[in-house]
């Protein structure tokens, strides 16, 4: 798996990502600081989940 080429990975790997509330109001947005180590861990977990889903479909 090539997580660096994943569109979702690229979007959420931005530093200082602003996440909007469910209502989409800019006034209730918050800044989330994510470290490179946290990004790697998120990618690892995502790949593990994807692999498990893929393997369950092959049975």
C-alpha atoms as a PDB file:
ATOM      1  CA  UNK A   1       0.000   0.000   0.000  1.00  0.00           C
ATOM      2  CA  UNK A   2       1.253   3.444  -0.887  1.00  0.00           C
ATOM      3  CA  UNK A   3      -0.180   5.635   1.856  1.00  0.00           C
ATOM      4  CA  UNK A   4       1.676   8.759   0.715  1.00  0.00           C
ATOM      5  CA  UNK A   5      -0.287   8.692  -2.587  1.00  0.00           C
ATOM      6  CA  UNK A   6      -3.658   8.304  -0.862  1.00  0.00           C
ATOM      7  CA  UNK A   7      -5.854  11.402  -1.303  1.00  0.00           C
ATOM      8  CA  UNK A   8      -7.300  11.115   2.207  1.00  0.00           C
ATOM      9  CA  UNK A   9      -3.830  10.682   3.703  1.00  0.00           C
ATOM     10  CA  UNK A  10      -2.594  13.773   1.839  1.00  0.00           C
ATOM     11  CA  UNK A  11      -5.555  15.842   3.010  1.00  0.00           C
ATOM     12  CA  UNK A  12      -5.244  14.909   6.680  1.00  0.00           C
ATOM     13  CA  UNK A  13      -1.442  14.979   6.744  1.00  0.00           C
ATOM     14  CA  UNK A  14      -1.409  18.775   6.526  1.00  0.00           C
ATOM     15  CA  UNK A  15       0.007  20.420   9.622  1.00  0.00           C
ATOM     16  CA  UNK A  16      -2.376  22.719  11.514  1.00  0.00           C
ATOM     17  CA  UNK A  17      -5.418  21.136   9.889  1.00  0.00           C
ATOM     18  CA  UNK A  18      -8.625  23.011  10.643  1.00  0.00           C
ATOM     19  CA  UNK A  19     -11.507  20.634  11.311  1.00  0.00           C
ATOM     20  CA  UNK A  20     -15.030  22.014  10.967  1.00  0.00           C
ATOM     21  CA  UNK A  21     -17.917  20.986  13.162  1.00  0.00           C
ATOM     22  CA  UNK A  22     -20.634  18.724  11.790  1.00  0.00           C
ATOM     23  CA  UNK A  23     -22.724  21.809  11.067  1.00  0.00           C
ATOM     24  CA  UNK A  24     -19.852  23.252   9.042  1.00  0.00           C
ATOM     25  CA  UNK A  25     -19.716  26.505  10.969  1.00  0.00           C
ATOM     26  CA  UNK A  26     -16.346  28.215  10.687  1.00  0.00           C
ATOM     27  CA  UNK A  27     -16.800  29.843  14.100  1.00  0.00           C
ATOM     28  CA  UNK A  28     -16.699  26.498  15.853  1.00  0.00           C
ATOM     29  CA  UNK A  29     -13.599  25.185  14.076  1.00  0.00           C
ATOM     30  CA  UNK A  30     -10.627  24.055  16.066  1.00  0.00           C
ATOM     31  CA  UNK A  31      -6.966  23.680  15.232  1.00  0.00           C
ATOM     32  CA  UNK A  32      -5.428  20.241  15.580  1.00  0.00           C
ATOM     33  CA  UNK A  33      -1.668  19.875  15.722  1.00  0.00           C
ATOM     34  CA  UNK A  34      -0.546  16.466  14.488  1.00  0.00           C
ATOM     35  CA  UNK A  35       3.039  15.288  14.764  1.00  0.00           C
ATOM     36  CA  UNK A  36       4.770  13.261  12.038  1.00  0.00           C
ATOM     37  CA  UNK A  37       4.828  10.287  14.422  1.00  0.00           C
ATOM     38  CA  UNK A  38       1.055  10.537  14.873  1.00  0.00           C
ATOM     39  CA  UNK A  39       0.590  10.697  11.096  1.00  0.00           C
ATOM     40  CA  UNK A  40       2.660   7.530  10.676  1.00  0.00           C
ATOM     41  CA  UNK A  41       0.631   5.785  13.370  1.00  0.00           C
ATOM     42  CA  UNK A  42      -2.660   6.822  11.738  1.00  0.00           C
ATOM     43  CA  UNK A  43      -1.417   5.478   8.396  1.00  0.00           C
ATOM     44  CA  UNK A  44      -0.328   2.221  10.046  1.00  0.00           C
ATOM     45  CA  UNK A  45      -3.714   1.757  11.715  1.00  0.00           C
ATOM     46  CA  UNK A  46      -5.561   2.637   8.500  1.00  0.00           C
ATOM     47  CA  UNK A  47      -3.497   0.099   6.561  1.00  0.00           C
ATOM     48  CA  UNK A  48      -4.148  -2.570   9.192  1.00  0.00           C
ATOM     49  CA  UNK A  49      -7.898  -1.976   9.007  1.00  0.00           C
ATOM     50  CA  UNK A  50      -7.871  -1.963   5.201  1.00  0.00           C
ATOM     51  CA  UNK A  51      -5.851  -5.202   5.136  1.00  0.00           C
ATOM     52  CA  UNK A  52      -8.282  -6.873   7.553  1.00  0.00           C
ATOM     53  CA  UNK A  53     -11.274  -5.795   5.445  1.00  0.00           C
ATOM     54  CA  UNK A  54      -9.588  -6.975   2.258  1.00  0.00           C
ATOM     55  CA  UNK A  55      -8.657 -10.340   3.778  1.00  0.00           C
ATOM     56  CA  UNK A  56     -12.191 -10.865   5.140  1.00  0.00           C
ATOM     57  CA  UNK A  57     -13.609 -10.324   1.629  1.00  0.00           C
ATOM     58  CA  UNK A  58     -11.362 -13.017   0.148  1.00  0.00           C
ATOM     59  CA  UNK A  59     -12.853 -15.808   2.302  1.00  0.00           C
END
